[in-house]
PDB file of N, CA and C in Angstrom:
ATOM      1  N   MET A   1       4.778 -19.674 -13.094  1.00  0.00           N
ATOM      2  CA  MET A   1       4.737 -19.295 -11.701  1.00  0.00           C
ATOM      3  C   MET A   1       3.972 -17.973 -11.581  1.00  0.00           C
ATOM      4  N   PHE A   2       3.107 -17.884 -10.608  1.00  0.00           N
ATOM      5  CA  PHE A   2       2.341 -16.664 -10.352  1.00  0.00           C
ATOM      6  C   PHE A   2       3.217 -15.610  -9.703  1.00  0.00           C
ATOM      7  N   LYS A   3       2.866 -14.364  -9.968  1.00  0.00           N
ATOM      8  CA  LYS A   3       3.523 -13.248  -9.297  1.00  0.00           C
ATOM      9  C   LYS A   3       2.511 -12.625  -8.356  1.00  0.00           C
ATOM     10  N   LEU A   4       2.923 -12.372  -7.133  1.00  0.00           N
ATOM     11  CA  LEU A   4       2.056 -11.776  -6.131  1.00  0.00           C
ATOM     12  C   LEU A   4       2.775 -10.592  -5.506  1.00  0.00           C
ATOM     13  N   THR A   5       2.152  -9.426  -5.587  1.00  0.00           N
ATOM     14  CA  THR A   5       2.719  -8.226  -4.976  1.00  0.00           C
ATOM     15  C   THR A   5       1.808  -7.796  -3.848  1.00  0.00           C
ATOM     16  N   ILE A   6       2.381  -7.588  -2.691  1.00  0.00           N
ATOM     17  CA  ILE A   6       1.647  -7.098  -1.532  1.00  0.00           C
ATOM     18  C   ILE A   6       2.142  -5.692  -1.240  1.00  0.00           C
ATOM     19  N   LEU A   7       1.203  -4.744  -1.236  1.00  0.00           N
ATOM     20  CA  LEU A   7       1.534  -3.366  -0.910  1.00  0.00           C
ATOM     21  C   LEU A   7       1.097  -3.106   0.523  1.00  0.00           C
ATOM     22  N   THR A   8       1.984  -2.550   1.321  1.00  0.00           N
ATOM     23  CA  THR A   8       1.667  -2.265   2.712  1.00  0.00           C
ATOM     24  C   THR A   8       2.089  -0.841   3.056  1.00  0.00           C
ATOM     25  N   ILE A   9       1.314  -0.202   3.907  1.00  0.00           N
ATOM     26  CA  ILE A   9       1.613   1.166   4.328  1.00  0.00           C
ATOM     27  C   ILE A   9       2.449   1.112   5.602  1.00  0.00           C
ATOM     28  N   GLY A  10       3.618   1.709   5.562  1.00  0.00           N
ATOM     29  CA  GLY A  10       4.469   1.799   6.749  1.00  0.00           C
ATOM     30  C   GLY A  10       5.244   0.528   7.041  1.00  0.00           C
ATOM     31  N   LYS A  11       6.273   0.683   7.854  1.00  0.00           N
ATOM     32  CA  LYS A  11       7.114  -0.446   8.240  1.00  0.00           C
ATOM     33  C   LYS A  11       6.430  -1.262   9.329  1.00  0.00           C
ATOM     34  N   TYR A  12       6.930  -2.469   9.523  1.00  0.00           N
ATOM     35  CA  TYR A  12       6.392  -3.338  10.569  1.00  0.00           C
ATOM     36  C   TYR A  12       6.794  -2.778  11.925  1.00  0.00           C
ATOM     37  N   LYS A  13       5.822  -2.620  12.805  1.00  0.00           N
ATOM     38  CA  LYS A  13       6.107  -2.040  14.116  1.00  0.00           C
ATOM     39  C   LYS A  13       6.628  -3.081  15.099  1.00  0.00           C
ATOM     40  N   GLU A  14       6.244  -4.309  14.921  1.00  0.00           N
ATOM     41  CA  GLU A  14       6.651  -5.383  15.828  1.00  0.00           C
ATOM     42  C   GLU A  14       7.602  -6.336  15.105  1.00  0.00           C
ATOM     43  N   SER A  15       8.603  -6.807  15.809  1.00  0.00           N
ATOM     44  CA  SER A  15       9.587  -7.701  15.186  1.00  0.00           C
ATOM     45  C   SER A  15       8.969  -9.038  14.781  1.00  0.00           C
ATOM     46  N   TRP A  16       7.952  -9.503  15.540  1.00  0.00           N
ATOM     47  CA  TRP A  16       7.335 -10.782  15.208  1.00  0.00           C
ATOM     48  C   TRP A  16       6.620 -10.715  13.858  1.00  0.00           C
ATOM     49  N   VAL A  17       6.172  -9.528  13.454  1.00  0.00           N
ATOM     50  CA  VAL A  17       5.502  -9.383  12.159  1.00  0.00           C
ATOM     51  C   VAL A  17       6.513  -9.605  11.039  1.00  0.00           C
ATOM     52  N   ALA A  18       7.693  -9.005  11.171  1.00  0.00           N
ATOM     53  CA  ALA A  18       8.740  -9.190  10.161  1.00  0.00           C
ATOM     54  C   ALA A  18       9.144 -10.660  10.079  1.00  0.00           C
ATOM     55  N   GLU A  19       9.232 -11.326  11.224  1.00  0.00           N
ATOM     56  CA  GLU A  19       9.575 -12.752  11.240  1.00  0.00           C
ATOM     57  C   GLU A  19       8.492 -13.583  10.553  1.00  0.00           C
ATOM     58  N   ALA A  20       7.227 -13.262  10.818  1.00  0.00           N
ATOM     59  CA  ALA A  20       6.122 -13.988  10.193  1.00  0.00           C
ATOM     60  C   ALA A  20       6.110 -13.775   8.684  1.00  0.00           C
ATOM     61  N   VAL A  21       6.367 -12.546   8.248  1.00  0.00           N
ATOM     62  CA  VAL A  21       6.407 -12.244   6.822  1.00  0.00           C
ATOM     63  C   VAL A  21       7.492 -13.073   6.145  1.00  0.00           C
ATOM     64  N   GLU A  22       8.667 -13.116   6.745  1.00  0.00           N
ATOM     65  CA  GLU A  22       9.771 -13.903   6.175  1.00  0.00           C
ATOM     66  C   GLU A  22       9.421 -15.384   6.135  1.00  0.00           C
ATOM     67  N   HIS A  23       8.771 -15.875   7.175  1.00  0.00           N
ATOM     68  CA  HIS A  23       8.367 -17.284   7.230  1.00  0.00           C
ATOM     69  C   HIS A  23       7.413 -17.615   6.081  1.00  0.00           C
ATOM     70  N   TYR A  24       6.390 -16.788   5.900  1.00  0.00           N
ATOM     71  CA  TYR A  24       5.417 -17.054   4.843  1.00  0.00           C
ATOM     72  C   TYR A  24       5.991 -16.807   3.453  1.00  0.00           C
ATOM     73  N   LYS A  25       6.919 -15.868   3.328  1.00  0.00           N
ATOM     74  CA  LYS A  25       7.592 -15.678   2.044  1.00  0.00           C
ATOM     75  C   LYS A  25       8.320 -16.956   1.651  1.00  0.00           C
ATOM     76  N   LYS A  26       8.964 -17.573   2.623  1.00  0.00           N
ATOM     77  CA  LYS A  26       9.701 -18.813   2.364  1.00  0.00           C
ATOM     78  C   LYS A  26       8.735 -19.931   1.962  1.00  0.00           C
ATOM     79  N   LEU A  27       7.620 -20.042   2.674  1.00  0.00           N
ATOM     80  CA  LEU A  27       6.643 -21.086   2.345  1.00  0.00           C
ATOM     81  C   LEU A  27       6.032 -20.873   0.964  1.00  0.00           C
ATOM     82  N   LEU A  28       5.722 -19.641   0.639  1.00  0.00           N
ATOM     83  CA  LEU A  28       5.067 -19.338  -0.629  1.00  0.00           C
ATOM     84  C   LEU A  28       6.010 -19.320  -1.817  1.00  0.00           C
ATOM     85  N   SER A  29       7.306 -19.263  -1.569  1.00  0.00           N
ATOM     86  CA  SER A  29       8.279 -19.141  -2.656  1.00  0.00           C
ATOM     87  C   SER A  29       8.215 -20.308  -3.643  1.00  0.00           C
ATOM     88  N   LYS A  30       7.700 -21.444  -3.212  1.00  0.00           N
ATOM     89  CA  LYS A  30       7.580 -22.597  -4.113  1.00  0.00           C
ATOM     90  C   LYS A  30       6.380 -22.459  -5.046  1.00  0.00           C
ATOM     91  N   LEU A  31       5.435 -21.597  -4.659  1.00  0.00           N
ATOM     92  CA  LEU A  31       4.200 -21.450  -5.431  1.00  0.00           C
ATOM     93  C   LEU A  31       4.114 -20.149  -6.224  1.00  0.00           C
ATOM     94  N   VAL A  32       4.632 -19.079  -5.645  1.00  0.00           N
ATOM     95  CA  VAL A  32       4.508 -17.755  -6.274  1.00  0.00           C
ATOM     96  C   VAL A  32       5.805 -16.976  -6.113  1.00  0.00           C
ATOM     97  N   LYS A  33       5.989 -16.022  -7.029  1.00  0.00           N
ATOM     98  CA  LYS A  33       7.082 -15.072  -6.878  1.00  0.00           C
ATOM     99  C   LYS A  33       6.489 -13.908  -6.085  1.00  0.00           C
ATOM    100  N   LEU A  34       6.909 -13.775  -4.842  1.00  0.00           N
ATOM    101  CA  LEU A  34       6.317 -12.815  -3.922  1.00  0.00           C
ATOM    102  C   LEU A  34       7.157 -11.553  -3.830  1.00  0.00           C
ATOM    103  N   ASN A  35       6.490 -10.411  -3.966  1.00  0.00           N
ATOM    104  CA  ASN A  35       7.138  -9.117  -3.845  1.00  0.00           C
ATOM    105  C   ASN A  35       6.351  -8.305  -2.824  1.00  0.00           C
ATOM    106  N   ILE A  36       7.012  -7.872  -1.766  1.00  0.00           N
ATOM    107  CA  ILE A  36       6.358  -7.049  -0.759  1.00  0.00           C
ATOM    108  C   ILE A  36       6.929  -5.647  -0.868  1.00  0.00           C
ATOM    109  N   LYS A  37       6.051  -4.686  -1.120  1.00  0.00           N
ATOM    110  CA  LYS A  37       6.467  -3.302  -1.296  1.00  0.00           C
ATOM    111  C   LYS A  37       5.915  -2.481  -0.137  1.00  0.00           C
ATOM    112  N   ILE A  38       6.806  -1.848   0.610  1.00  0.00           N
ATOM    113  CA  ILE A  38       6.411  -1.017   1.736  1.00  0.00           C
ATOM    114  C   ILE A  38       6.327   0.428   1.256  1.00  0.00           C
ATOM    115  N   ILE A  39       5.152   1.013   1.438  1.00  0.00           N
ATOM    116  CA  ILE A  39       4.884   2.381   1.006  1.00  0.00           C
ATOM    117  C   ILE A  39       4.941   3.274   2.238  1.00  0.00           C
ATOM    118  N   SER A  40       5.589   4.418   2.110  1.00  0.00           N
ATOM    119  CA  SER A  40       5.661   5.336   3.250  1.00  0.00           C
ATOM    120  C   SER A  40       4.269   5.886   3.551  1.00  0.00           C
ATOM    121  N   PRO A  41       3.956   6.056   4.831  1.00  0.00           N
ATOM    122  CA  PRO A  41       2.639   6.593   5.179  1.00  0.00           C
ATOM    123  C   PRO A  41       2.516   8.056   4.757  1.00  0.00           C
ATOM    124  N   PRO A  42       1.278   8.531   4.604  1.00  0.00           N
ATOM    125  CA  PRO A  42       1.079   9.932   4.252  1.00  0.00           C
ATOM    126  C   PRO A  42       1.668  10.853   5.325  1.00  0.00           C
ATOM    127  N   PRO A  43       2.096  12.050   4.932  1.00  0.00           N
ATOM    128  CA  PRO A  43       2.618  12.987   5.933  1.00  0.00           C
ATOM    129  C   PRO A  43       1.550  13.315   6.970  1.00  0.00           C
ATOM    130  N   ASN A  44       1.968  13.472   8.200  1.00  0.00           N
ATOM    131  CA  ASN A  44       1.061  13.809   9.309  1.00  0.00           C
ATOM    132  C   ASN A  44      -0.049  12.780   9.493  1.00  0.00           C
ATOM    133  N   SER A  45       0.212  11.511   9.176  1.00  0.00           N
ATOM    134  CA  SER A  45      -0.833  10.495   9.246  1.00  0.00           C
ATOM    135  C   SER A  45      -1.376  10.313  10.663  1.00  0.00           C
ATOM    136  N   GLY A  46      -0.567  10.594  11.667  1.00  0.00           N
ATOM    137  CA  GLY A  46      -1.026  10.457  13.042  1.00  0.00           C
ATOM    138  C   GLY A  46      -2.066  11.487  13.433  1.00  0.00           C
ATOM    139  N   SER A  47      -2.101  12.604  12.730  1.00  0.00           N
ATOM    140  CA  SER A  47      -3.040  13.674  13.089  1.00  0.00           C
ATOM    141  C   SER A  47      -4.260  13.730  12.171  1.00  0.00           C
ATOM    142  N   LEU A  48      -4.336  12.844  11.170  1.00  0.00           N
ATOM    143  CA  LEU A  48      -5.459  12.866  10.233  1.00  0.00           C
ATOM    144  C   LEU A  48      -6.634  12.062  10.777  1.00  0.00           C
ATOM    145  N   CYS A  49      -7.854  12.508  10.484  1.00  0.00           N
ATOM    146  CA  CYS A  49      -9.016  11.706  10.874  1.00  0.00           C
ATOM    147  C   CYS A  49      -9.041  10.465   9.977  1.00  0.00           C
ATOM    148  N   SER A  50      -9.729   9.432  10.421  1.00  0.00           N
ATOM    149  CA  SER A  50      -9.654   8.136   9.742  1.00  0.00           C
ATOM    150  C   SER A  50     -10.112   8.197   8.285  1.00  0.00           C
ATOM    151  N   SER A  51     -11.166   8.953   7.983  1.00  0.00           N
ATOM    152  CA  SER A  51     -11.647   8.988   6.596  1.00  0.00           C
ATOM    153  C   SER A  51     -10.633   9.662   5.674  1.00  0.00           C
ATOM    154  N   VAL A  52      -9.987  10.718   6.143  1.00  0.00           N
ATOM    155  CA  VAL A  52      -8.969  11.407   5.348  1.00  0.00           C
ATOM    156  C   VAL A  52      -7.736  10.514   5.202  1.00  0.00           C
ATOM    157  N   LEU A  53      -7.368   9.830   6.274  1.00  0.00           N
ATOM    158  CA  LEU A  53      -6.218   8.929   6.246  1.00  0.00           C
ATOM    159  C   LEU A  53      -6.442   7.789   5.260  1.00  0.00           C
ATOM    160  N   ILE A  54      -7.625   7.215   5.266  1.00  0.00           N
ATOM    161  CA  ILE A  54      -7.935   6.109   4.343  1.00  0.00           C
ATOM    162  C   ILE A  54      -7.824   6.580   2.893  1.00  0.00           C
ATOM    163  N   LYS A  55      -8.358   7.761   2.601  1.00  0.00           N
ATOM    164  CA  LYS A  55      -8.269   8.292   1.231  1.00  0.00           C
ATOM    165  C   LYS A  55      -6.816   8.562   0.839  1.00  0.00           C
ATOM    166  N   ALA A  56      -6.034   9.119   1.768  1.00  0.00           N
ATOM    167  CA  ALA A  56      -4.626   9.413   1.479  1.00  0.00           C
ATOM    168  C   ALA A  56      -3.843   8.128   1.243  1.00  0.00           C
ATOM    169  N   GLU A  57      -4.112   7.104   2.062  1.00  0.00           N
ATOM    170  CA  GLU A  57      -3.426   5.823   1.881  1.00  0.00           C
ATOM    171  C   GLU A  57      -3.840   5.168   0.576  1.00  0.00           C
ATOM    172  N   ALA A  58      -5.117   5.256   0.230  1.00  0.00           N
ATOM    173  CA  ALA A  58      -5.590   4.677  -1.029  1.00  0.00           C
ATOM    174  C   ALA A  58      -4.902   5.333  -2.220  1.00  0.00           C
ATOM    175  N   GLU A  59      -4.758   6.653  -2.182  1.00  0.00           N
ATOM    176  CA  GLU A  59      -4.067   7.359  -3.260  1.00  0.00           C
ATOM    177  C   GLU A  59      -2.613   6.898  -3.378  1.00  0.00           C
ATOM    178  N   LYS A  60      -1.941   6.717  -2.233  1.00  0.00           N
ATOM    179  CA  LYS A  60      -0.538   6.278  -2.263  1.00  0.00           C
ATOM    180  C   LYS A  60      -0.423   4.864  -2.829  1.00  0.00           C
ATOM    181  N   ILE A  61      -1.366   4.000  -2.475  1.00  0.00           N
ATOM    182  CA  ILE A  61      -1.351   2.624  -2.990  1.00  0.00           C
ATOM    183  C   ILE A  61      -1.583   2.636  -4.496  1.00  0.00           C
ATOM    184  N   LEU A  62      -2.584   3.369  -4.953  1.00  0.00           N
ATOM    185  CA  LEU A  62      -2.854   3.430  -6.392  1.00  0.00           C
ATOM    186  C   LEU A  62      -1.693   4.053  -7.154  1.00  0.00           C
ATOM    187  N   LYS A  63      -1.061   5.058  -6.566  1.00  0.00           N
ATOM    188  CA  LYS A  63       0.097   5.680  -7.208  1.00  0.00           C
ATOM    189  C   LYS A  63       1.234   4.658  -7.332  1.00  0.00           C
ATOM    190  N   ALA A  64       1.432   3.840  -6.295  1.00  0.00           N
ATOM    191  CA  ALA A  64       2.479   2.807  -6.326  1.00  0.00           C
ATOM    192  C   ALA A  64       2.179   1.764  -7.399  1.00  0.00           C
ATOM    193  N   LYS A  65       0.890   1.557  -7.671  1.00  0.00           N
ATOM    194  CA  LYS A  65       0.487   0.613  -8.711  1.00  0.00           C
ATOM    195  C   LYS A  65       0.476   1.252 -10.087  1.00  0.00           C
ATOM    196  N   GLY A  66       0.683   2.588 -10.151  1.00  0.00           N
ATOM    197  CA  GLY A  66       0.659   3.273 -11.439  1.00  0.00           C
ATOM    198  C   GLY A  66      -0.733   3.670 -11.856  1.00  0.00           C
ATOM    199  N   GLN A  67      -1.658   3.810 -10.886  1.00  0.00           N
ATOM    200  CA  GLN A  67      -3.024   4.214 -11.173  1.00  0.00           C
ATOM    201  C   GLN A  67      -3.345   5.458 -10.372  1.00  0.00           C
ATOM    202  N   THR A  68      -4.347   6.193 -10.833  1.00  0.00           N
ATOM    203  CA  THR A  68      -4.839   7.331 -10.068  1.00  0.00           C
ATOM    204  C   THR A  68      -6.355   7.281 -10.069  1.00  0.00           C
ATOM    205  N   THR A  69      -6.961   7.980  -9.156  1.00  0.00           N
ATOM    206  CA  THR A  69      -8.421   8.028  -9.090  1.00  0.00           C
ATOM    207  C   THR A  69      -8.874   9.470  -9.020  1.00  0.00           C
ATOM    208  N   THR A  70     -10.145   9.671  -9.244  1.00  0.00           N
ATOM    209  CA  THR A  70     -10.705  11.009  -9.110  1.00  0.00           C
ATOM    210  C   THR A  70     -11.067  11.239  -7.664  1.00  0.00           C
ATOM    211  N   ASN A  71     -10.652  12.357  -7.145  1.00  0.00           N
ATOM    212  CA  ASN A  71     -11.025  12.750  -5.799  1.00  0.00           C
ATOM    213  C   ASN A  71     -11.944  13.944  -5.961  1.00  0.00           C
ATOM    214  N   LYS A  72     -13.245  13.705  -6.007  1.00  0.00           N
ATOM    215  CA  LYS A  72     -14.213  14.762  -6.252  1.00  0.00           C
ATOM    216  C   LYS A  72     -14.240  15.776  -5.120  1.00  0.00           C
ATOM    217  N   ASN A  73     -13.789  15.386  -3.934  1.00  0.00           N
ATOM    218  CA  ASN A  73     -13.801  16.289  -2.789  1.00  0.00           C
ATOM    219  C   ASN A  73     -12.589  17.211  -2.755  1.00  0.00           C
ATOM    220  N   ALA A  74     -11.604  16.914  -3.566  1.00  0.00           N
ATOM    221  CA  ALA A  74     -10.395  17.742  -3.580  1.00  0.00           C
ATOM    222  C   ALA A  74     -10.677  19.028  -4.341  1.00  0.00           C
ATOM    223  N   PRO A  75     -10.049  20.118  -3.926  1.00  0.00           N
ATOM    224  CA  PRO A  75     -10.247  21.375  -4.656  1.00  0.00           C
ATOM    225  C   PRO A  75      -9.837  21.221  -6.111  1.00  0.00           C
ATOM    226  N   GLY A  76     -10.738  21.548  -7.013  1.00  0.00           N
ATOM    227  CA  GLY A  76     -10.442  21.423  -8.437  1.00  0.00           C
ATOM    228  C   GLY A  76     -10.624  20.019  -8.966  1.00  0.00           C
ATOM    229  N   GLY A  77     -10.791  19.040  -8.104  1.00  0.00           N
ATOM    230  CA  GLY A  77     -10.967  17.648  -8.512  1.00  0.00           C
ATOM    231  C   GLY A  77      -9.805  17.136  -9.351  1.00  0.00           C
ATOM    232  N   LYS A  78      -9.305  15.982  -9.055  1.00  0.00           N
ATOM    233  CA  LYS A  78      -8.178  15.413  -9.795  1.00  0.00           C
ATOM    234  C   LYS A  78      -8.704  14.608 -10.970  1.00  0.00           C
ATOM    235  N   THR A  79      -7.935  14.589 -12.037  1.00  0.00           N
ATOM    236  CA  THR A  79      -8.305  13.772 -13.192  1.00  0.00           C
ATOM    237  C   THR A  79      -7.939  12.334 -12.903  1.00  0.00           C
ATOM    238  N   THR A  80      -8.667  11.442 -13.550  1.00  0.00           N
ATOM    239  CA  THR A  80      -8.391  10.041 -13.275  1.00  0.00           C
ATOM    240  C   THR A  80      -7.872   9.317 -14.481  1.00  0.00           C
ATOM    241  N   GLU A  81      -7.004   8.399 -14.204  1.00  0.00           N
ATOM    242  CA  GLU A  81      -6.515   7.478 -15.224  1.00  0.00           C
ATOM    243  C   GLU A  81      -6.306   6.148 -14.557  1.00  0.00           C
ATOM    244  N   ARG A  82      -6.759   5.107 -15.224  1.00  0.00           N
ATOM    245  CA  ARG A  82      -6.503   3.748 -14.755  1.00  0.00           C
ATOM    246  C   ARG A  82      -5.774   3.019 -15.858  1.00  0.00           C
ATOM    247  N   HIS A  83      -4.724   2.312 -15.515  1.00  0.00           N
ATOM    248  CA  HIS A  83      -3.914   1.591 -16.502  1.00  0.00           C
ATOM    249  C   HIS A  83      -4.210   0.125 -16.409  1.00  0.00           C
TER     250      HIS A  83
END
């Protein structure tokens, strides 16, 4: 059986989204082991410009996966490791 992990930023804002997710989880359960992981959004995400927000969300997703990337624009630049 395949394993499928879906990483998502933030909770579902609409109730119909949660219902749809549960519906598709049930349908897919015969084919894959589905794991949905909700990642908290970056702090102050509402006030960040889109390019900064995208980079912050990408870092949180990679961190949740156990990976990091180099951010050359960050002061001092971060070291990278991919597992």
